[in-house]
Amino acid sequence: MNDYTKGALEAITWAILVLKDSKDIREAIAELESARDSILRGIAVDFREKIKFYYSSNTVYRRRG
């Protein structure tokens, strides 16, 4: 199992546990949305640095034509 698949399995398993443990579906949805938002905020923190690294370490493709 690759890292992507492991991460997907972990996320699905956690989501199922949140749904089972919640007394109210709105509470479960709020918990899942909160986790998603935390991940998105974390991605955004160093996004500019990530794209600088990406472009400095990869070949720049030139247009043909």
PDB file of N, CA and C in Angstrom:
ATOM      1  N   MET A   1       0.852  -1.171   0.000  1.00  0.00           N
ATOM      2  CA  MET A   1       0.000   0.000   0.000  1.00  0.00           C
ATOM      3  C   MET A   1       0.902   1.239   0.000  1.00  0.00           C
ATOM      4  N   ASN A   2       0.653   2.162  -0.925  1.00  0.00           N
ATOM      5  CA  ASN A   2       1.481   3.369  -0.992  1.00  0.00           C
ATOM      6  C   ASN A   2       0.984   4.413   0.017  1.00  0.00           C
ATOM      7  N   ASP A   3       1.753   5.489   0.183  1.00  0.00           N
ATOM      8  CA  ASP A   3       1.425   6.518   1.176  1.00  0.00           C
ATOM      9  C   ASP A   3       0.070   7.168   0.908  1.00  0.00           C
ATOM     10  N   TYR A   4      -0.245   7.399  -0.354  1.00  0.00           N
ATOM     11  CA  TYR A   4      -1.517   8.021  -0.707  1.00  0.00           C
ATOM     12  C   TYR A   4      -2.680   7.134  -0.263  1.00  0.00           C
ATOM     13  N   THR A   5      -2.575   5.850  -0.543  1.00  0.00           N
ATOM     14  CA  THR A   5      -3.624   4.896  -0.171  1.00  0.00           C
ATOM     15  C   THR A   5      -3.740   4.782   1.342  1.00  0.00           C
ATOM     16  N   LYS A   6      -2.610   4.749   2.027  1.00  0.00           N
ATOM     17  CA  LYS A   6      -2.626   4.687   3.494  1.00  0.00           C
ATOM     18  C   LYS A   6      -3.317   5.919   4.074  1.00  0.00           C
ATOM     19  N   GLY A   7      -3.007   7.078   3.526  1.00  0.00           N
ATOM     20  CA  GLY A   7      -3.632   8.311   4.005  1.00  0.00           C
ATOM     21  C   GLY A   7      -5.136   8.310   3.783  1.00  0.00           C
ATOM     22  N   ALA A   8      -5.559   7.823   2.620  1.00  0.00           N
ATOM     23  CA  ALA A   8      -6.996   7.749   2.317  1.00  0.00           C
ATOM     24  C   ALA A   8      -7.688   6.793   3.282  1.00  0.00           C
ATOM     25  N   LEU A   9      -7.074   5.657   3.551  1.00  0.00           N
ATOM     26  CA  LEU A   9      -7.653   4.682   4.477  1.00  0.00           C
ATOM     27  C   LEU A   9      -7.753   5.271   5.879  1.00  0.00           C
ATOM     28  N   GLU A  10      -6.708   5.949   6.305  1.00  0.00           N
ATOM     29  CA  GLU A  10      -6.719   6.579   7.623  1.00  0.00           C
ATOM     30  C   GLU A  10      -7.830   7.618   7.725  1.00  0.00           C
ATOM     31  N   ALA A  11      -7.991   8.435   6.690  1.00  0.00           N
ATOM     32  CA  ALA A  11      -9.022   9.474   6.695  1.00  0.00           C
ATOM     33  C   ALA A  11     -10.427   8.866   6.722  1.00  0.00           C
ATOM     34  N   ILE A  12     -10.642   7.843   5.917  1.00  0.00           N
ATOM     35  CA  ILE A  12     -11.962   7.198   5.882  1.00  0.00           C
ATOM     36  C   ILE A  12     -12.274   6.549   7.222  1.00  0.00           C
ATOM     37  N   THR A  13     -11.289   5.881   7.799  1.00  0.00           N
ATOM     38  CA  THR A  13     -11.485   5.219   9.090  1.00  0.00           C
ATOM     39  C   THR A  13     -11.834   6.241  10.171  1.00  0.00           C
ATOM     40  N   TRP A  14     -11.101   7.359  10.190  1.00  0.00           N
ATOM     41  CA  TRP A  14     -11.376   8.394  11.183  1.00  0.00           C
ATOM     42  C   TRP A  14     -12.765   8.986  10.977  1.00  0.00           C
ATOM     43  N   ALA A  15     -13.145   9.232   9.726  1.00  0.00           N
ATOM     44  CA  ALA A  15     -14.467   9.795   9.442  1.00  0.00           C
ATOM     45  C   ALA A  15     -15.572   8.852   9.915  1.00  0.00           C
ATOM     46  N   ILE A  16     -15.400   7.571   9.712  1.00  0.00           N
ATOM     47  CA  ILE A  16     -16.398   6.596  10.176  1.00  0.00           C
ATOM     48  C   ILE A  16     -16.510   6.628  11.694  1.00  0.00           C
ATOM     49  N   LEU A  17     -15.372   6.715  12.389  1.00  0.00           N
ATOM     50  CA  LEU A  17     -15.392   6.793  13.852  1.00  0.00           C
ATOM     51  C   LEU A  17     -16.100   8.065  14.331  1.00  0.00           C
ATOM     52  N   VAL A  18     -15.836   9.181  13.678  1.00  0.00           N
ATOM     53  CA  VAL A  18     -16.508  10.433  14.049  1.00  0.00           C
ATOM     54  C   VAL A  18     -18.010  10.279  13.872  1.00  0.00           C
ATOM     55  N   LEU A  19     -18.419   9.693  12.762  1.00  0.00           N
ATOM     56  CA  LEU A  19     -19.857   9.510  12.502  1.00  0.00           C
ATOM     57  C   LEU A  19     -20.490   8.580  13.528  1.00  0.00           C
ATOM     58  N   LYS A  20     -19.805   7.498  13.879  1.00  0.00           N
ATOM     59  CA  LYS A  20     -20.347   6.543  14.854  1.00  0.00           C
ATOM     60  C   LYS A  20     -20.418   7.145  16.258  1.00  0.00           C
ATOM     61  N   ASP A  21     -19.439   7.962  16.630  1.00  0.00           N
ATOM     62  CA  ASP A  21     -19.378   8.530  17.973  1.00  0.00           C
ATOM     63  C   ASP A  21     -20.288   9.736  18.165  1.00  0.00           C
ATOM     64  N   SER A  22     -20.745  10.335  17.090  1.00  0.00           N
ATOM     65  CA  SER A  22     -21.560  11.542  17.189  1.00  0.00           C
ATOM     66  C   SER A  22     -23.008  11.191  17.453  1.00  0.00           C
ATOM     67  N   LYS A  23     -23.607  12.000  18.320  1.00  0.00           N
ATOM     68  CA  LYS A  23     -25.024  11.799  18.620  1.00  0.00           C
ATOM     69  C   LYS A  23     -25.905  12.519  17.594  1.00  0.00           C
ATOM     70  N   ASP A  24     -25.302  13.449  16.886  1.00  0.00           N
ATOM     71  CA  ASP A  24     -26.037  14.275  15.935  1.00  0.00           C
ATOM     72  C   ASP A  24     -25.206  14.397  14.659  1.00  0.00           C
ATOM     73  N   ILE A  25     -25.823  14.199  13.515  1.00  0.00           N
ATOM     74  CA  ILE A  25     -25.101  14.251  12.248  1.00  0.00           C
ATOM     75  C   ILE A  25     -24.492  15.634  12.020  1.00  0.00           C
ATOM     76  N   ARG A  26     -25.154  16.684  12.496  1.00  0.00           N
ATOM     77  CA  ARG A  26     -24.600  18.039  12.338  1.00  0.00           C
ATOM     78  C   ARG A  26     -23.300  18.197  13.117  1.00  0.00           C
ATOM     79  N   GLU A  27     -23.225  17.554  14.271  1.00  0.00           N
ATOM     80  CA  GLU A  27     -22.000  17.573  15.074  1.00  0.00           C
ATOM     81  C   GLU A  27     -20.867  16.866  14.335  1.00  0.00           C
ATOM     82  N   ALA A  28     -21.172  15.736  13.722  1.00  0.00           N
ATOM     83  CA  ALA A  28     -20.167  14.980  12.959  1.00  0.00           C
ATOM     84  C   ALA A  28     -19.685  15.787  11.758  1.00  0.00           C
ATOM     85  N   ILE A  29     -20.618  16.394  11.055  1.00  0.00           N
ATOM     86  CA  ILE A  29     -20.249  17.202   9.887  1.00  0.00           C
ATOM     87  C   ILE A  29     -19.362  18.362  10.315  1.00  0.00           C
ATOM     88  N   ALA A  30     -19.698  19.002  11.410  1.00  0.00           N
ATOM     89  CA  ALA A  30     -18.887  20.117  11.904  1.00  0.00           C
ATOM     90  C   ALA A  30     -17.469  19.652  12.244  1.00  0.00           C
ATOM     91  N   GLU A  31     -17.345  18.493  12.858  1.00  0.00           N
ATOM     92  CA  GLU A  31     -16.024  17.951  13.200  1.00  0.00           C
ATOM     93  C   GLU A  31     -15.207  17.646  11.944  1.00  0.00           C
ATOM     94  N   LEU A  32     -15.841  17.031  10.967  1.00  0.00           N
ATOM     95  CA  LEU A  32     -15.152  16.703   9.718  1.00  0.00           C
ATOM     96  C   LEU A  32     -14.755  17.966   8.952  1.00  0.00           C
ATOM     97  N   GLU A  33     -15.649  18.948   8.906  1.00  0.00           N
ATOM     98  CA  GLU A  33     -15.326  20.204   8.229  1.00  0.00           C
ATOM     99  C   GLU A  33     -14.196  20.948   8.940  1.00  0.00           C
ATOM    100  N   SER A  34     -14.189  20.892  10.243  1.00  0.00           N
ATOM    101  CA  SER A  34     -13.132  21.534  11.019  1.00  0.00           C
ATOM    102  C   SER A  34     -11.772  20.906  10.708  1.00  0.00           C
ATOM    103  N   ALA A  35     -11.746  19.573  10.622  1.00  0.00           N
ATOM    104  CA  ALA A  35     -10.503  18.879  10.279  1.00  0.00           C
ATOM    105  C   ALA A  35     -10.047  19.255   8.874  1.00  0.00           C
ATOM    106  N   ARG A  36     -10.979  19.294   7.944  1.00  0.00           N
ATOM    107  CA  ARG A  36     -10.650  19.689   6.573  1.00  0.00           C
ATOM    108  C   ARG A  36     -10.083  21.102   6.529  1.00  0.00           C
ATOM    109  N   ASP A  37     -10.730  22.004   7.247  1.00  0.00           N
ATOM    110  CA  ASP A  37     -10.280  23.393   7.248  1.00  0.00           C
ATOM    111  C   ASP A  37      -8.891  23.535   7.866  1.00  0.00           C
ATOM    112  N   SER A  38      -8.604  22.761   8.905  1.00  0.00           N
ATOM    113  CA  SER A  38      -7.278  22.780   9.523  1.00  0.00           C
ATOM    114  C   SER A  38      -6.210  22.316   8.539  1.00  0.00           C
ATOM    115  N   ILE A  39      -6.525  21.280   7.797  1.00  0.00           N
ATOM    116  CA  ILE A  39      -5.575  20.785   6.786  1.00  0.00           C
ATOM    117  C   ILE A  39      -5.347  21.849   5.711  1.00  0.00           C
ATOM    118  N   LEU A  40      -6.412  22.465   5.250  1.00  0.00           N
ATOM    119  CA  LEU A  40      -6.287  23.486   4.209  1.00  0.00           C
ATOM    120  C   LEU A  40      -5.497  24.695   4.701  1.00  0.00           C
ATOM    121  N   ARG A  41      -5.718  25.103   5.939  1.00  0.00           N
ATOM    122  CA  ARG A  41      -4.938  26.215   6.496  1.00  0.00           C
ATOM    123  C   ARG A  41      -3.470  25.830   6.593  1.00  0.00           C
ATOM    124  N   GLY A  42      -3.186  24.592   6.951  1.00  0.00           N
ATOM    125  CA  GLY A  42      -1.806  24.126   7.049  1.00  0.00           C
ATOM    126  C   GLY A  42      -1.114  24.102   5.705  1.00  0.00           C
ATOM    127  N   ILE A  43      -1.837  23.746   4.678  1.00  0.00           N
ATOM    128  CA  ILE A  43      -1.282  23.724   3.324  1.00  0.00           C
ATOM    129  C   ILE A  43      -0.950  25.141   2.880  1.00  0.00           C
ATOM    130  N   ALA A  44      -1.816  26.070   3.228  1.00  0.00           N
ATOM    131  CA  ALA A  44      -1.639  27.446   2.783  1.00  0.00           C
ATOM    132  C   ALA A  44      -0.476  28.147   3.478  1.00  0.00           C
ATOM    133  N   VAL A  45      -0.089  27.683   4.650  1.00  0.00           N
ATOM    134  CA  VAL A  45       0.945  28.362   5.432  1.00  0.00           C
ATOM    135  C   VAL A  45       2.233  28.534   4.648  1.00  0.00           C
ATOM    136  N   ASP A  46       2.708  27.480   4.027  1.00  0.00           N
ATOM    137  CA  ASP A  46       3.981  27.566   3.314  1.00  0.00           C
ATOM    138  C   ASP A  46       3.838  27.304   1.818  1.00  0.00           C
ATOM    139  N   PHE A  47       2.659  27.594   1.283  1.00  0.00           N
ATOM    140  CA  PHE A  47       2.407  27.324  -0.131  1.00  0.00           C
ATOM    141  C   PHE A  47       3.382  28.065  -1.037  1.00  0.00           C
ATOM    142  N   ARG A  48       3.619  29.334  -0.752  1.00  0.00           N
ATOM    143  CA  ARG A  48       4.502  30.121  -1.601  1.00  0.00           C
ATOM    144  C   ARG A  48       5.899  29.498  -1.640  1.00  0.00           C
ATOM    145  N   GLU A  49       6.381  29.008  -0.505  1.00  0.00           N
ATOM    146  CA  GLU A  49       7.692  28.352  -0.458  1.00  0.00           C
ATOM    147  C   GLU A  49       7.678  27.039  -1.241  1.00  0.00           C
ATOM    148  N   LYS A  50       6.580  26.317  -1.160  1.00  0.00           N
ATOM    149  CA  LYS A  50       6.468  25.048  -1.893  1.00  0.00           C
ATOM    150  C   LYS A  50       6.549  25.276  -3.395  1.00  0.00           C
ATOM    151  N   ILE A  51       5.867  26.306  -3.896  1.00  0.00           N
ATOM    152  CA  ILE A  51       5.908  26.506  -5.343  1.00  0.00           C
ATOM    153  C   ILE A  51       7.258  27.034  -5.779  1.00  0.00           C
ATOM    154  N   LYS A  52       7.937  27.803  -4.919  1.00  0.00           N
ATOM    155  CA  LYS A  52       9.291  28.249  -5.254  1.00  0.00           C
ATOM    156  C   LYS A  52      10.204  27.040  -5.387  1.00  0.00           C
ATOM    157  N   PHE A  53      10.090  26.100  -4.445  1.00  0.00           N
ATOM    158  CA  PHE A  53      10.908  24.897  -4.490  1.00  0.00           C
ATOM    159  C   PHE A  53      10.579  24.078  -5.734  1.00  0.00           C
ATOM    160  N   TYR A  54       9.294  23.933  -6.031  1.00  0.00           N
ATOM    161  CA  TYR A  54       8.867  23.145  -7.183  1.00  0.00           C
ATOM    162  C   TYR A  54       9.471  23.688  -8.472  1.00  0.00           C
ATOM    163  N   TYR A  55       9.347  24.994  -8.666  1.00  0.00           N
ATOM    164  CA  TYR A  55       9.831  25.578  -9.910  1.00  0.00           C
ATOM    165  C   TYR A  55      11.354  25.627  -9.985  1.00  0.00           C
ATOM    166  N   SER A  56      12.017  25.704  -8.846  1.00  0.00           N
ATOM    167  CA  SER A  56      13.479  25.731  -8.888  1.00  0.00           C
ATOM    168  C   SER A  56      14.076  24.344  -9.063  1.00  0.00           C
ATOM    169  N   SER A  57      13.308  23.301  -8.729  1.00  0.00           N
ATOM    170  CA  SER A  57      13.847  21.948  -8.801  1.00  0.00           C
ATOM    171  C   SER A  57      13.363  21.145 -10.003  1.00  0.00           C
ATOM    172  N   ASN A  58      12.459  21.699 -10.793  1.00  0.00           N
ATOM    173  CA  ASN A  58      11.914  20.986 -11.948  1.00  0.00           C
ATOM    174  C   ASN A  58      12.268  21.696 -13.246  1.00  0.00           C
ATOM    175  N   THR A  59      12.266  20.925 -14.298  1.00  0.00           N
ATOM    176  CA  THR A  59      12.524  21.486 -15.618  1.00  0.00           C
ATOM    177  C   THR A  59      11.366  22.377 -16.039  1.00  0.00           C
ATOM    178  N   VAL A  60      11.669  23.503 -16.569  1.00  0.00           N
ATOM    179  CA  VAL A  60      10.630  24.384 -17.098  1.00  0.00           C
ATOM    180  C   VAL A  60      10.346  23.941 -18.527  1.00  0.00           C
ATOM    181  N   TYR A  61       9.089  23.669 -18.792  1.00  0.00           N
ATOM    182  CA  TYR A  61       8.724  23.212 -20.121  1.00  0.00           C
ATOM    183  C   TYR A  61       8.528  24.410 -21.039  1.00  0.00           C
ATOM    184  N   ARG A  62       9.112  24.342 -22.189  1.00  0.00           N
ATOM    185  CA  ARG A  62       8.982  25.419 -23.170  1.00  0.00           C
ATOM    186  C   ARG A  62       7.865  25.099 -24.148  1.00  0.00           C
ATOM    187  N   ARG A  63       7.211  26.139 -24.620  1.00  0.00           N
ATOM    188  CA  ARG A  63       6.152  25.960 -25.628  1.00  0.00           C
ATOM    189  C   ARG A  63       6.748  25.511 -26.937  1.00  0.00           C
ATOM    190  N   ARG A  64       6.074  24.625 -27.571  1.00  0.00           N
ATOM    191  CA  ARG A  64       6.463  24.206 -28.915  1.00  0.00           C
ATOM    192  C   ARG A  64       5.708  25.043 -29.912  1.00  0.00           C
ATOM    193  N   GLY A  65       6.363  25.328 -31.020  1.00  0.00           N
ATOM    194  CA  GLY A  65       5.572  25.997 -32.034  1.00  0.00           C
ATOM    195  C   GLY A  65       6.213  27.112 -32.662  1.00  0.00           C
TER     196      GLY A  65
END
